[in-house]
Amino acid sequence: MSGLVQLSAVGVRFGRLQALQDISLKVSAGERLALIGANGSGKSTLLRVLHGLVRPDSGSVLRDVAARQAMLFQRPHMLRASALANVALGLWLQQGLRWREARRQALRALERVGLAEEAQRNARALSGGQQQRLALARAWAVRPDMLLLDEPTASLDPHAKREVEALMAEFARPGELGGAMTLVFASHNLGQVKRLATRVVYLEHGRVLADLPVHEFFNGPTLGAVSREADLFVKGELA
């Protein structure tokens, strides 16, 4: 396998619901993969399979065991603690750092996402956009090779959306972490997909109906078919 994770004929069932059917795809290092589709199409389940939170009922999942992953949810859970502690705790638990070093690295992560001035503020008192940036800081701090995001800007106002998108784009560029961080994100926003993705996977009823480079998706016939068949986007989102 030459990739971070590879799915072959994966199926997932929840009771009578067939959430995913015959999914085969590979995520390679440095990709920015967007998952699109209507509500209930299987985007969130696919993200959880890629991250290892859901075990398939059929098919196989191969992983690069040396690659580190992190995942952001649409509504990230915040501990009833300071923003700094929310980041430091993960470093302390996952990487075994001494608390002082964990706090030092956590502050650096907060600086990276523009939240250093909120370091001592209760994380649950932050705005929705600030909480999503804090979640990005928690992810960035552990230096993942692949970052999975489940509709990271869906509940944010336009300004907060732009801030989160800018951070996603920055994380995906080669920099101090070495190679570019791989992004896999679910989105209802075609404009966001066009700005951030290098590849688009369109899901419908748990199946992959299209898997294309982003330029082929937007310049070929698939875009029109997607827009007609799925209630994905509000007017103007393609701008």
Protein backbone atom coordinates (compact mmCIF):
# COMPACT_ATOMS: atom_id res chain seq x y z
CA MET A 1 0.00 0.00 0.00
CA SER A 2 1.35 3.43 -0.96
CA GLY A 3 -0.81 5.78 1.04
CA LEU A 4 -1.89 6.72 4.55
CA VAL A 5 -5.04 4.62 4.50
CA GLN A 6 -6.71 2.38 1.91
CA LEU A 7 -10.27 1.05 1.95
CA SER A 8 -11.29 -1.95 -0.16
CA ALA A 9 -14.98 -2.85 -0.66
CA VAL A 10 -15.88 -1.44 2.77
CA GLY A 11 -19.43 -1.75 4.04
CA VAL A 12 -20.94 -0.44 7.29
CA ARG A 13 -24.38 -1.27 8.63
CA PHE A 14 -26.17 0.23 11.64
CA GLY A 15 -29.07 -2.10 12.33
CA ARG A 16 -31.19 -2.04 9.17
CA LEU A 17 -29.39 1.00 7.77
CA GLN A 18 -26.65 0.33 5.22
CA ALA A 19 -24.53 3.42 5.92
CA LEU A 20 -21.69 2.58 3.50
CA GLN A 21 -21.65 0.17 0.58
CA ASP A 22 -18.65 -1.17 -1.35
CA ILE A 23 -16.37 1.80 -0.65
CA SER A 24 -12.91 1.54 -2.16
CA LEU A 25 -10.53 4.49 -2.00
CA LYS A 26 -7.01 5.42 -0.98
CA VAL A 27 -5.84 8.57 0.77
CA SER A 28 -2.30 9.56 -0.16
CA ALA A 29 0.07 11.84 1.72
CA GLY A 30 -0.38 15.53 0.93
CA GLU A 31 -3.88 15.22 -0.51
CA ARG A 32 -6.74 17.55 0.32
CA LEU A 33 -9.76 15.29 -0.11
CA ALA A 34 -13.29 16.69 0.12
CA LEU A 35 -16.26 14.41 0.84
CA ILE A 36 -19.54 15.83 -0.43
CA GLY A 37 -23.11 14.59 -0.54
CA ALA A 38 -26.53 15.20 0.97
CA ASN A 39 -27.29 14.63 4.64
CA GLY A 40 -27.27 10.89 5.31
CA SER A 41 -25.07 10.08 2.31
CA GLY A 42 -22.35 8.54 4.50
CA LYS A 43 -19.77 11.34 4.80
CA SER A 44 -19.48 11.27 8.59
CA THR A 45 -19.43 7.47 8.72
CA LEU A 46 -16.68 7.36 6.10
CA LEU A 47 -14.60 9.83 8.11
CA ARG A 48 -15.02 7.66 11.19
CA VAL A 49 -13.96 4.55 9.28
CA LEU A 50 -10.86 6.36 8.00
CA HIS A 51 -10.03 7.44 11.55
CA GLY A 52 -10.69 4.02 13.05
CA LEU A 53 -13.69 5.02 15.15
CA VAL A 54 -16.05 2.73 13.20
CA ARG A 55 -15.15 -0.83 12.26
CA PRO A 56 -16.48 -2.00 8.87
CA ASP A 57 -18.86 -4.96 8.68
CA SER A 58 -17.29 -5.99 5.38
CA GLY A 59 -14.23 -5.17 3.34
CA SER A 60 -10.80 -4.19 4.60
CA VAL A 61 -8.92 -1.13 5.86
CA LEU A 62 -5.14 -0.88 5.54
CA ARG A 63 -3.24 1.87 7.39
CA ASP A 64 0.24 3.27 7.52
CA VAL A 65 0.83 2.42 11.17
CA ALA A 66 3.52 5.09 11.45
CA ALA A 67 1.16 7.87 10.36
CA ARG A 68 -0.55 9.92 13.06
CA GLN A 69 -4.14 11.08 12.72
CA ALA A 70 -6.40 13.62 14.37
CA MET A 71 -10.09 14.33 13.85
CA LEU A 72 -12.27 17.41 14.31
CA PHE A 73 -16.00 17.14 14.74
CA GLN A 74 -18.62 19.66 13.68
CA ARG A 75 -19.29 20.57 17.31
CA PRO A 76 -16.03 19.94 19.16
CA HIS A 77 -16.23 18.92 22.80
CA MET A 78 -14.53 21.35 25.13
CA LEU A 79 -13.36 20.45 28.62
CA ARG A 80 -14.56 22.68 31.44
CA ALA A 81 -11.08 24.20 31.67
CA SER A 82 -8.95 26.93 30.13
CA ALA A 83 -8.17 26.97 26.43
CA LEU A 84 -4.54 26.29 27.31
CA ALA A 85 -5.42 23.24 29.41
CA ASN A 86 -7.65 21.88 26.63
CA VAL A 87 -4.61 21.70 24.35
CA ALA A 88 -2.02 20.77 26.99
CA LEU A 89 -4.00 17.82 28.33
CA GLY A 90 -3.87 16.02 24.99
CA LEU A 91 -0.10 16.49 24.79
CA TRP A 92 0.32 15.26 28.36
CA LEU A 93 -1.85 12.17 27.83
CA GLN A 94 -0.96 11.23 24.25
CA GLN A 95 2.72 12.12 24.14
CA GLY A 96 3.68 11.71 27.78
CA LEU A 97 5.14 15.21 28.09
CA ARG A 98 5.80 16.81 31.44
CA TRP A 99 3.02 19.25 32.26
CA ARG A 100 5.28 22.31 31.96
CA GLU A 101 6.42 21.25 28.48
CA ALA A 102 2.86 20.37 27.50
CA ARG A 103 1.73 23.87 28.48
CA ARG A 104 4.62 25.42 26.54
CA GLN A 105 3.73 23.53 23.37
CA ALA A 106 0.02 24.21 23.92
CA LEU A 107 0.67 27.96 24.06
CA ARG A 108 2.60 27.70 20.80
CA ALA A 109 -0.37 25.93 19.22
CA LEU A 110 -2.73 28.65 20.47
CA GLU A 111 -0.45 31.28 18.97
CA ARG A 112 -0.57 29.38 15.66
CA VAL A 113 -4.39 29.72 15.51
CA GLY A 114 -4.56 33.25 16.91
CA LEU A 115 -5.89 32.37 20.36
CA ALA A 116 -2.91 33.11 22.60
CA GLU A 117 -4.77 36.00 24.24
CA GLU A 118 -7.58 33.60 25.19
CA ALA A 119 -5.24 31.03 26.77
CA GLN A 120 -6.63 31.40 30.30
CA ARG A 121 -10.26 31.78 29.29
CA ASN A 122 -12.71 28.93 29.90
CA ALA A 123 -12.93 27.05 26.61
CA ARG A 124 -16.70 26.69 26.92
CA ALA A 125 -17.06 30.48 27.07
CA LEU A 126 -15.43 30.94 23.66
CA SER A 127 -17.47 31.67 20.54
CA GLY A 128 -18.23 28.90 18.08
CA GLY A 129 -15.50 30.08 15.72
CA GLN A 130 -12.98 30.32 18.55
CA GLN A 131 -13.86 26.81 19.74
CA GLN A 132 -13.29 25.42 16.26
CA ARG A 133 -9.92 27.19 16.11
CA LEU A 134 -9.13 25.75 19.55
CA ALA A 135 -9.99 22.30 18.22
CA LEU A 136 -7.59 22.94 15.33
CA ALA A 137 -4.92 23.94 17.84
CA ARG A 138 -5.44 20.67 19.73
CA ALA A 139 -5.04 18.76 16.48
CA TRP A 140 -2.01 20.71 15.25
CA ALA A 141 -0.25 20.31 18.60
CA VAL A 142 0.05 16.53 18.23
CA ARG A 143 1.58 16.91 14.73
CA PRO A 144 -0.74 14.60 12.76
CA ASP A 145 0.10 13.38 9.29
CA MET A 146 -3.61 13.31 8.42
CA LEU A 147 -6.34 15.60 9.75
CA LEU A 148 -9.97 14.58 9.29
CA LEU A 149 -12.68 17.24 9.65
CA ASP A 150 -16.44 16.70 9.76
CA GLU A 151 -18.12 19.85 8.39
CA PRO A 152 -15.73 22.10 10.34
CA THR A 153 -17.41 25.39 9.33
CA ALA A 154 -21.06 24.34 9.04
CA SER A 155 -22.33 26.24 12.10
CA LEU A 156 -20.02 29.26 11.85
CA ASP A 157 -20.67 32.81 10.67
CA PRO A 158 -18.93 33.98 7.47
CA HIS A 159 -16.00 35.61 9.29
CA ALA A 160 -15.32 32.53 11.43
CA LYS A 161 -15.61 30.32 8.34
CA ARG A 162 -12.90 32.32 6.60
CA GLU A 163 -10.65 32.05 9.66
CA VAL A 164 -11.02 28.27 9.88
CA GLU A 165 -10.56 27.83 6.12
CA ALA A 166 -7.38 29.91 6.26
CA LEU A 167 -6.00 27.66 9.01
CA MET A 168 -6.91 24.52 7.06
CA ALA A 169 -5.10 25.87 4.00
CA GLU A 170 -2.08 26.81 6.12
CA PHE A 171 -1.91 23.35 7.70
CA ALA A 172 -1.98 21.77 4.23
CA ARG A 173 1.09 23.70 3.06
CA PRO A 174 4.60 22.33 3.64
CA GLY A 175 6.18 24.14 6.55
CA GLU A 176 7.77 23.61 9.91
CA LEU A 177 6.04 20.22 10.23
CA GLY A 178 7.87 19.01 7.12
CA GLY A 179 5.58 17.75 4.35
CA ALA A 180 2.08 19.07 3.85
CA MET A 181 -0.54 17.78 6.28
CA THR A 182 -3.11 15.57 4.55
CA LEU A 183 -6.68 16.87 4.89
CA VAL A 184 -9.88 14.86 4.53
CA PHE A 185 -12.97 16.97 5.15
CA ALA A 186 -16.72 16.68 4.72
CA SER A 187 -18.45 19.77 3.38
CA HIS A 188 -21.77 21.02 2.02
CA ASN A 189 -20.08 24.14 0.65
CA LEU A 190 -18.91 23.87 -2.98
CA GLY A 191 -17.05 27.16 -2.73
CA GLN A 192 -15.07 25.79 0.18
CA VAL A 193 -14.39 22.59 -1.73
CA LYS A 194 -13.13 24.56 -4.71
CA ARG A 195 -10.86 26.69 -2.52
CA LEU A 196 -9.36 23.90 -0.42
CA ALA A 197 -9.60 20.50 -2.11
CA THR A 198 -7.35 18.77 -4.62
CA ARG A 199 -9.76 15.83 -4.97
CA VAL A 200 -13.53 15.39 -4.58
CA VAL A 201 -15.46 12.26 -3.60
CA TYR A 202 -19.24 12.46 -4.04
CA LEU A 203 -21.33 10.09 -1.91
CA GLU A 204 -24.97 9.14 -2.37
CA HIS A 205 -26.82 6.57 -0.22
CA GLY A 206 -23.52 5.26 1.14
CA ARG A 207 -21.89 4.73 -2.25
CA VAL A 208 -19.14 6.63 -4.06
CA LEU A 209 -20.64 7.97 -7.29
CA ALA A 210 -17.69 10.18 -8.28
CA ASP A 211 -14.02 10.38 -7.30
CA LEU A 212 -12.26 13.09 -9.32
CA PRO A 213 -9.48 15.67 -9.19
CA VAL A 214 -11.05 18.97 -8.18
CA HIS A 215 -10.51 20.63 -11.58
CA GLU A 216 -12.28 17.75 -13.36
CA PHE A 217 -15.16 17.88 -10.91
CA PHE A 218 -15.78 21.59 -11.44
CA ASN A 219 -15.12 21.66 -15.18
CA GLY A 220 -16.85 18.42 -16.18
CA PRO A 221 -20.47 17.17 -16.23
CA THR A 222 -20.41 15.83 -12.64
CA LEU A 223 -21.00 19.20 -10.99
CA GLY A 224 -24.32 19.75 -12.74
CA ALA A 225 -25.54 16.27 -11.88
CA VAL A 226 -24.56 16.68 -8.22
CA SER A 227 -26.26 20.06 -7.93
CA ARG A 228 -29.49 18.68 -9.41
CA GLU A 229 -29.62 15.45 -7.45
CA ALA A 230 -28.62 16.60 -3.97
CA ASP A 231 -29.78 19.56 -1.90
CA LEU A 232 -26.21 20.40 -0.96
CA PHE A 233 -25.71 24.09 -1.35
CA VAL A 234 -27.49 27.40 -0.92
CA LYS A 235 -27.42 30.02 -3.65
CA GLY A 236 -24.10 31.80 -3.81
CA GLU A 237 -22.02 29.13 -2.03
CA LEU A 238 -20.04 28.47 -5.21
CA ALA A 239 -18.63 32.01 -5.11
